[in-house]
Each structure stands twice: as C-alpha cells, then as structure tokens.
C-alpha atoms as a PDB file:
ATOM      1  CA  MET A   1      -1.816  16.020  -6.401  1.00  0.00           C
ATOM      2  CA  ALA A   2      -0.958  12.812  -8.175  1.00  0.00           C
ATOM      3  CA  VAL A   3      -3.039   9.681  -8.808  1.00  0.00           C
ATOM      4  CA  ILE A   4      -3.076   6.123  -7.530  1.00  0.00           C
ATOM      5  CA  HIS A   5      -4.967   3.312  -9.278  1.00  0.00           C
ATOM      6  CA  VAL A   6      -6.376   1.150  -6.489  1.00  0.00           C
ATOM      7  CA  THR A   7      -8.081  -2.218  -6.708  1.00  0.00           C
ATOM      8  CA  ASN A   8     -10.132  -2.805  -3.577  1.00  0.00           C
ATOM      9  CA  ARG A   9     -10.943  -6.155  -1.950  1.00  0.00           C
ATOM     10  CA  ALA A  10     -14.070  -6.523  -4.083  1.00  0.00           C
ATOM     11  CA  GLY A  11     -11.928  -6.305  -7.226  1.00  0.00           C
ATOM     12  CA  LYS A  12     -13.124  -2.851  -8.270  1.00  0.00           C
ATOM     13  CA  THR A  13     -10.429  -0.498  -9.555  1.00  0.00           C
ATOM     14  CA  GLN A  14     -10.669   3.216  -8.894  1.00  0.00           C
ATOM     15  CA  THR A  15      -8.367   6.119  -9.537  1.00  0.00           C
ATOM     16  CA  ILE A  16      -7.905   8.385  -6.546  1.00  0.00           C
ATOM     17  CA  THR A  17      -5.794  11.467  -5.976  1.00  0.00           C
ATOM     18  CA  GLY A  18      -3.172  11.600  -3.295  1.00  0.00           C
ATOM     19  CA  LYS A  19      -1.205  14.329  -1.637  1.00  0.00           C
ATOM     20  CA  VAL A  20       2.513  14.009  -2.236  1.00  0.00           C
ATOM     21  CA  GLY A  21       4.281  13.588   1.101  1.00  0.00           C
ATOM     22  CA  ASN A  22       1.526  11.519   2.706  1.00  0.00           C
ATOM     23  CA  THR A  23       1.944   7.783   3.009  1.00  0.00           C
ATOM     24  CA  ILE A  24       0.066   5.570   0.610  1.00  0.00           C
ATOM     25  CA  MET A  25      -1.738   4.186   3.681  1.00  0.00           C
ATOM     26  CA  GLU A  26      -3.073   7.633   4.616  1.00  0.00           C
ATOM     27  CA  ILE A  27      -4.275   8.218   1.075  1.00  0.00           C
ATOM     28  CA  LEU A  28      -6.002   4.825   0.799  1.00  0.00           C
ATOM     29  CA  ARG A  29      -7.539   5.022   4.276  1.00  0.00           C
ATOM     30  CA  ASP A  30      -8.868   8.546   3.738  1.00  0.00           C
ATOM     31  CA  ALA A  31     -10.396   7.467   0.401  1.00  0.00           C
ATOM     32  CA  GLY A  32     -12.227   4.548   2.053  1.00  0.00           C
ATOM     33  CA  MET A  33     -10.264   1.870   0.192  1.00  0.00           C
ATOM     34  CA  ASP A  34     -10.519  -1.070   2.690  1.00  0.00           C
ATOM     35  CA  VAL A  35      -7.358  -0.135   4.599  1.00  0.00           C
ATOM     36  CA  GLU A  36      -7.928  -0.392   8.348  1.00  0.00           C
ATOM     37  CA  ALA A  37      -4.529   0.957   9.457  1.00  0.00           C
ATOM     38  CA  ILE A  38      -5.190  -0.107  13.040  1.00  0.00           C
ATOM     39  CA  CYS A  39      -1.736   0.909  14.303  1.00  0.00           C
ATOM     40  CA  GLY A  40      -1.975   4.319  12.636  1.00  0.00           C
ATOM     41  CA  GLY A  41       1.067   3.788  10.457  1.00  0.00           C
ATOM     42  CA  CYS A  42       3.559   2.554  13.046  1.00  0.00           C
ATOM     43  CA  CYS A  43       4.596  -0.582  11.116  1.00  0.00           C
ATOM     44  CA  SER A  44       3.157  -2.907  13.732  1.00  0.00           C
ATOM     45  CA  CYS A  45      -0.059  -4.486  12.444  1.00  0.00           C
ATOM     46  CA  ALA A  46      -0.082  -5.208   8.658  1.00  0.00           C
ATOM     47  CA  THR A  47      -3.683  -3.977   8.259  1.00  0.00           C
ATOM     48  CA  CYS A  48      -2.473  -1.664   5.489  1.00  0.00           C
ATOM     49  CA  HIS A  49      -1.001  -4.539   3.441  1.00  0.00           C
ATOM     50  CA  VAL A  50      -1.110  -3.905  -0.306  1.00  0.00           C
ATOM     51  CA  PHE A  51       0.289  -5.526  -3.423  1.00  0.00           C
ATOM     52  CA  ILE A  52       2.362  -3.216  -5.597  1.00  0.00           C
ATOM     53  CA  ASP A  53       1.801  -3.763  -9.315  1.00  0.00           C
ATOM     54  CA  ASP A  54       4.719  -5.541 -10.990  1.00  0.00           C
ATOM     55  CA  ALA A  55       5.513  -2.506 -13.156  1.00  0.00           C
ATOM     56  CA  TRP A  56       6.149  -0.415 -10.026  1.00  0.00           C
ATOM     57  CA  ILE A  57       8.113  -2.788  -7.786  1.00  0.00           C
ATOM     58  CA  ASP A  58      11.556  -1.595  -8.867  1.00  0.00           C
ATOM     59  CA  LYS A  59      10.510   2.040  -8.372  1.00  0.00           C
ATOM     60  CA  MET A  60       9.662   1.560  -4.690  1.00  0.00           C
ATOM     61  CA  PRO A  61      11.966   2.226  -1.761  1.00  0.00           C
ATOM     62  CA  ALA A  62      13.334  -0.955  -0.200  1.00  0.00           C
ATOM     63  CA  ARG A  63      11.372  -2.700   2.552  1.00  0.00           C
ATOM     64  CA  THR A  64      12.808  -2.445   6.025  1.00  0.00           C
ATOM     65  CA  ALA A  65      13.413  -5.624   8.039  1.00  0.00           C
ATOM     66  CA  ASP A  66      10.447  -4.780  10.294  1.00  0.00           C
ATOM     67  CA  GLU A  67       8.132  -4.304   7.329  1.00  0.00           C
ATOM     68  CA  PHE A  68       9.269  -7.543   5.709  1.00  0.00           C
ATOM     69  CA  GLU A  69       8.751  -9.481   8.941  1.00  0.00           C
ATOM     70  CA  LEU A  70       5.144  -8.273   9.196  1.00  0.00           C
ATOM     71  CA  VAL A  71       4.089  -8.870   5.589  1.00  0.00           C
ATOM     72  CA  GLU A  72       5.870 -12.224   5.455  1.00  0.00           C
ATOM     73  CA  GLN A  73       3.598 -13.487   8.251  1.00  0.00           C
ATOM     74  CA  THR A  74       0.366 -12.688   6.382  1.00  0.00           C
ATOM     75  CA  ARG A  75      -1.581 -15.432   4.605  1.00  0.00           C
ATOM     76  CA  ALA A  76      -1.650 -13.425   1.376  1.00  0.00           C
ATOM     77  CA  PHE A  77       2.102 -12.664   1.296  1.00  0.00           C
ATOM     78  CA  LYS A  78       3.610 -12.204  -2.171  1.00  0.00           C
ATOM     79  CA  ASP A  79       7.400 -12.099  -2.073  1.00  0.00           C
ATOM     80  CA  LYS A  80       7.974  -9.160  -4.421  1.00  0.00           C
ATOM     81  CA  ASN A  81       4.622  -7.377  -4.289  1.00  0.00           C
ATOM     82  CA  SER A  82       3.674  -7.284  -0.592  1.00  0.00           C
ATOM     83  CA  ARG A  83       4.205  -3.960   1.136  1.00  0.00           C
ATOM     84  CA  LEU A  84       2.857  -2.092   4.107  1.00  0.00           C
ATOM     85  CA  SER A  85       1.392   1.053   2.611  1.00  0.00           C
ATOM     86  CA  CYS A  86       2.212   2.953   5.826  1.00  0.00           C
ATOM     87  CA  GLN A  87       5.889   2.585   4.992  1.00  0.00           C
ATOM     88  CA  ILE A  88       5.727   4.183   1.546  1.00  0.00           C
ATOM     89  CA  LYS A  89       5.778   7.974   1.268  1.00  0.00           C
ATOM     90  CA  PHE A  90       3.896   9.014  -1.858  1.00  0.00           C
ATOM     91  CA  THR A  91       6.080  11.027  -4.256  1.00  0.00           C
ATOM     92  CA  GLU A  92       5.581  12.733  -7.616  1.00  0.00           C
ATOM     93  CA  ALA A  93       7.580   9.869  -9.153  1.00  0.00           C
ATOM     94  CA  MET A  94       4.796   7.498  -8.024  1.00  0.00           C
ATOM     95  CA  ASP A  95       2.111   9.344 -10.005  1.00  0.00           C
ATOM     96  CA  GLY A  96       0.014   6.625 -11.656  1.00  0.00           C
ATOM     97  CA  ILE A  97       1.104   3.767  -9.382  1.00  0.00           C
ATOM     98  CA  ALA A  98      -1.210   0.753  -9.253  1.00  0.00           C
ATOM     99  CA  VAL A  99      -1.843  -1.109  -5.977  1.00  0.00           C
ATOM    100  CA  THR A 100      -4.249  -3.785  -4.824  1.00  0.00           C
ATOM    101  CA  VAL A 101      -5.490  -3.928  -1.241  1.00  0.00           C
ATOM    102  CA  ALA A 102      -4.567  -7.312   0.224  1.00  0.00           C
ATOM    103  CA  PRO A 103      -7.283  -9.561   1.669  1.00  0.00           C
ATOM    104  CA  ALA A 104      -8.193  -9.014   5.311  1.00  0.00           C
ATOM    105  CA  GLU A 105      -6.406 -11.276   7.748  1.00  0.00           C
END
C-alpha cells in the first residue's frame, strides 16, 4: 500500500492509503473523498475530476484525447492539472502524490 494526500471539496486534506494497481478514482471513491464516479471509470462523465499537484504533473502518464475532451469541458478546468482519476492507475512511483478533488459540476 502507498499513500495519497487528498484535499476534498471542503478544503480538508487527508492522507489515505491506496492499493497499487487500482485507479486513483477507485481509491478516492472507496475512501469517501467526494468522487461520484457515475460512469464507473469508463472515461465518460468527468465526475472523478481531480487536480494533480504541480510537483506531480510531469510524473503522470499522458492524458488521452478522450480524457482531455471531458476535462476541458468542465467549469473548473485547469490546463496542466485537470485529470480524470479513473484514467490513472496508481503505481508505487506515485506514493505520496497530492491531488485535490475538483468542484462538482
């Protein structure tokens, strides 16, 4: 298990553990961190939108065109930081990552 530092929509930061191999969405959703994940991780709803901390952006896998199209249409879109957490598999290299749950749409 590795850790994720999560800031929820109320601005409270918590450190949670996550199983390597799960998506960040699954970890956040299962920990009750304001992630609805309505589509179940199919990259079709943007209800798992998070902001990746600046220090971690370059360590993330690239966004797919589908992911970019969805996050770009959100009101809270941040060019470099916006990601769909369902599209990021959690790895050992991400131990200690910091994310903020985006505002609800």
